Protein backbone atom coordinates (compact mmCIF):
# COMPACT_ATOMS: atom_id res chain seq x y z
CA MET A 1 -173.40 25.26 60.69
CA SER A 2 -172.40 25.82 64.33
CA GLU A 3 -169.24 24.55 66.03
CA GLY A 4 -169.16 20.78 66.29
CA ASP A 5 -172.08 20.10 63.92
CA SER A 6 -169.91 18.58 61.22
CA ASP A 7 -169.25 14.85 61.01
CA THR A 8 -165.54 15.67 60.72
CA GLU A 9 -165.26 18.11 63.63
CA LEU A 10 -165.43 17.04 67.25
CA PRO A 11 -168.58 18.42 68.88
CA GLY A 12 -168.10 20.94 71.70
CA ARG A 13 -170.16 18.67 73.99
CA VAL A 14 -167.25 16.19 73.98
CA ARG A 15 -164.71 18.82 74.98
CA ARG A 16 -167.07 19.94 77.77
CA ALA A 17 -167.42 16.35 78.98
CA PHE A 18 -163.64 16.00 79.26
CA ARG A 19 -163.33 19.40 80.97
CA ASP A 20 -166.14 18.62 83.43
CA HIS A 21 -164.87 15.13 84.24
CA GLY A 22 -162.03 16.32 86.44
CA SER A 23 -159.48 13.62 85.66
CA PHE A 24 -158.32 14.86 82.27
CA ALA A 25 -156.35 17.85 81.04
CA PRO A 26 -156.21 18.98 77.40
CA ALA A 27 -153.04 17.91 75.61
CA GLY A 28 -153.62 19.17 72.10
CA ASP A 29 -155.89 18.48 69.17
CA ASP A 30 -158.75 16.49 70.69
CA VAL A 31 -156.40 14.59 73.01
CA TRP A 32 -156.61 14.62 76.81
CA ILE A 33 -154.15 13.25 79.34
CA SER A 34 -155.16 11.57 82.56
CA GLU A 35 -154.17 13.47 85.68
CA THR A 36 -155.20 10.72 88.07
CA THR A 37 -152.69 8.01 87.26
CA ALA A 38 -148.99 7.67 87.84
CA PHE A 39 -148.65 6.29 84.33
CA ASP A 40 -149.07 8.03 80.97
CA GLY A 41 -152.73 7.67 80.08
CA GLU A 42 -154.49 9.56 77.34
CA ALA A 43 -157.76 9.59 75.49
CA ALA A 44 -158.27 10.92 71.99
CA ALA A 45 -161.72 11.58 70.57
CA GLU A 46 -163.03 11.88 67.03
CA PRO A 47 -166.42 11.87 65.34
CA ALA A 48 -167.58 8.41 64.29
CA GLY A 49 -170.71 9.44 62.38
CA ASP A 50 -174.38 9.57 63.41
CA GLY A 51 -173.49 11.65 66.49
CA ARG A 52 -171.27 8.89 67.89
CA ILE A 53 -167.76 9.54 69.18
CA ARG A 54 -164.79 7.20 68.87
CA PHE A 55 -162.51 7.24 71.90
CA ALA A 56 -158.98 5.87 71.57
CA VAL A 57 -157.48 5.19 75.00
CA THR A 58 -153.78 4.52 75.45
CA VAL A 59 -151.90 3.77 78.65
CA CYS A 60 -148.11 3.40 78.81
CA VAL A 61 -146.68 1.51 81.75
CA PRO A 62 -143.08 0.55 82.45
CA ALA A 63 -141.86 -3.01 82.11
CA LEU A 64 -141.41 -4.42 85.59
CA SER A 65 -137.61 -4.62 85.33
CA ALA A 66 -137.54 -0.89 84.49
CA VAL A 67 -138.98 0.00 87.91
CA THR A 68 -137.04 -2.34 90.20
CA ALA A 69 -133.88 -1.39 92.02
CA ASP A 70 -132.87 -5.06 91.98
CA GLU A 71 -131.83 -7.20 89.02
CA MET A 72 -134.73 -9.22 87.62
CA ALA A 73 -134.28 -12.51 85.79
CA ASP A 74 -135.60 -12.58 82.22
CA VAL A 75 -137.88 -15.53 83.03
CA VAL A 76 -139.50 -13.54 85.85
CA GLU A 77 -140.00 -10.54 83.57
CA SER A 78 -141.46 -12.72 80.79
CA GLY A 79 -143.84 -14.47 83.17
CA TRP A 80 -144.96 -11.16 84.66
CA TYR A 81 -145.56 -9.66 81.20
CA GLU A 82 -147.59 -12.65 80.01
CA THR A 83 -149.74 -12.50 83.14
CA PHE A 84 -150.20 -8.73 82.87
CA GLU A 85 -151.21 -9.07 79.21
CA ARG A 86 -153.81 -11.76 79.99
CA ARG A 87 -155.27 -9.78 82.87
CA VAL A 88 -155.37 -6.34 81.23
CA VAL A 89 -157.33 -7.50 78.18
CA ASP A 90 -160.09 -8.92 80.41
CA VAL A 91 -162.00 -5.65 80.76
CA SER A 92 -165.51 -7.04 81.11
CA GLY A 93 -167.54 -5.04 83.59
CA VAL A 94 -165.06 -2.16 83.80
CA THR A 95 -167.03 0.34 81.73
CA ARG A 96 -170.54 1.76 82.03
CA GLY A 97 -171.26 1.41 78.33
CA ASP A 98 -171.95 -1.90 76.62
CA HIS A 99 -168.72 -2.26 74.65
CA GLU A 100 -166.80 -5.14 73.18
CA PHE A 101 -163.09 -4.52 73.33
CA ASP A 102 -160.20 -5.82 71.32
CA PRO A 103 -157.36 -4.22 73.27
CA SER A 104 -153.78 -4.38 72.15
CA VAL A 105 -150.81 -4.84 74.46
CA ASP A 106 -147.41 -4.16 72.93
CA ARG A 107 -144.00 -4.09 74.50
CA GLU A 108 -141.74 -1.38 73.14
CA GLY A 109 -138.39 -1.69 74.90
CA GLU A 110 -138.90 -0.87 78.57
CA GLU A 111 -142.45 0.35 77.99
CA ILE A 112 -145.72 -1.49 77.56
CA VAL A 113 -148.47 0.23 75.59
CA VAL A 114 -152.07 -0.83 76.23
CA ALA A 115 -154.65 0.52 73.78
CA PHE A 116 -158.45 0.36 73.73
CA ALA A 117 -161.04 1.83 71.39
CA LEU A 118 -164.72 2.42 72.01
CA THR A 119 -167.52 4.21 70.24
CA GLU A 120 -170.22 5.93 72.25
CA ILE A 121 -173.22 8.16 71.56
CA ASN A 122 -173.20 9.57 75.10
CA GLU A 123 -170.05 11.69 75.42
CA ARG A 124 -170.09 11.74 79.23
CA ARG A 125 -170.36 7.97 79.45
CA GLY A 126 -167.56 7.72 76.87
CA VAL A 127 -165.28 9.97 78.93
CA ASP A 128 -166.17 8.02 82.10
CA ASP A 129 -165.34 4.78 80.30
CA ALA A 130 -162.03 6.15 79.01
CA SER A 131 -161.09 7.11 82.56
CA ALA A 132 -162.20 3.72 83.89
CA LEU A 133 -160.00 1.92 81.34
CA ILE A 134 -156.97 3.99 82.36
CA ASP A 135 -157.63 3.26 86.04
CA PHE A 136 -158.13 -0.42 85.24
CA VAL A 137 -154.71 -0.67 83.59
CA GLU A 138 -153.07 0.99 86.59
CA GLY A 139 -154.90 -1.28 89.04
CA THR A 140 -154.06 -4.38 87.04
CA TYR A 141 -150.41 -3.35 86.96
CA VAL A 142 -150.27 -2.80 90.72
CA GLN A 143 -152.07 -6.10 91.43
CA GLY A 144 -149.40 -7.89 89.41
CA LEU A 145 -146.41 -6.50 91.30
CA ILE A 146 -144.12 -9.20 92.61
CA PRO A 147 -143.33 -9.02 96.34
CA GLY A 148 -139.72 -8.98 97.40
CA TYR A 149 -138.45 -6.37 94.96
CA GLU A 150 -137.59 -2.79 95.77
CA TYR A 151 -139.54 -0.64 93.35
CA THR A 152 -138.55 2.78 92.02
CA GLU A 153 -140.85 5.62 90.92
CA PRO A 154 -143.56 5.81 89.84
CA VAL A 155 -144.34 2.34 91.21
CA ALA A 156 -142.87 3.05 94.65
CA GLY A 157 -145.42 5.84 95.06
CA LEU A 158 -148.27 3.56 94.01
CA VAL A 159 -147.15 0.90 96.50
CA SER A 160 -146.90 3.53 99.25
CA SER A 161 -150.43 4.79 98.48
CA ALA A 162 -151.76 1.24 98.48
CA ARG A 163 -150.17 0.61 101.88
CA GLN A 164 -151.69 3.76 103.30
CA GLN A 165 -155.15 2.89 102.00
CA GLY A 166 -154.96 -0.78 102.92
CA ASP A 167 -153.70 -2.77 105.83
CA GLY A 168 -150.06 -2.84 104.82
CA GLY A 169 -150.61 -5.58 102.25
CA MET A 170 -148.00 -7.89 100.84
CA PHE A 171 -145.25 -5.35 100.31
């Protein structure tokens, strides 16, 4: 049996798809980190049988109060989190593949962990979709920023980039 032919070993075609994609770097055993987001985004891959690959995508973003220089009222933080959670689970149309998602959004102290899973037969489409989900979380986060606060890194850099690409926006 050649490399990657087993139902328990990740096929080499998946590793090549991540390498060729350009937005991921290897981070260990069948895990790749996103190099195109300010947040911690990663995708893990494993065989799912019948040539299909299961991709587990995780993005960690800071709670809003963790990236503001100003004090933030608990009610503002709670309202922001609830809105972010509702928006980030609405991923319809984000991916190329026809997937149904049941994402999880969990707050762990000053960090919010968003996780998606998808199974795909086409490894390149799966890697594209993993990248799209990571970008979607970042975009949803930035769209939900509340004007009037001074943001610290990494959010300050995202706001600066958005200003440069847009017309100055609301910040």
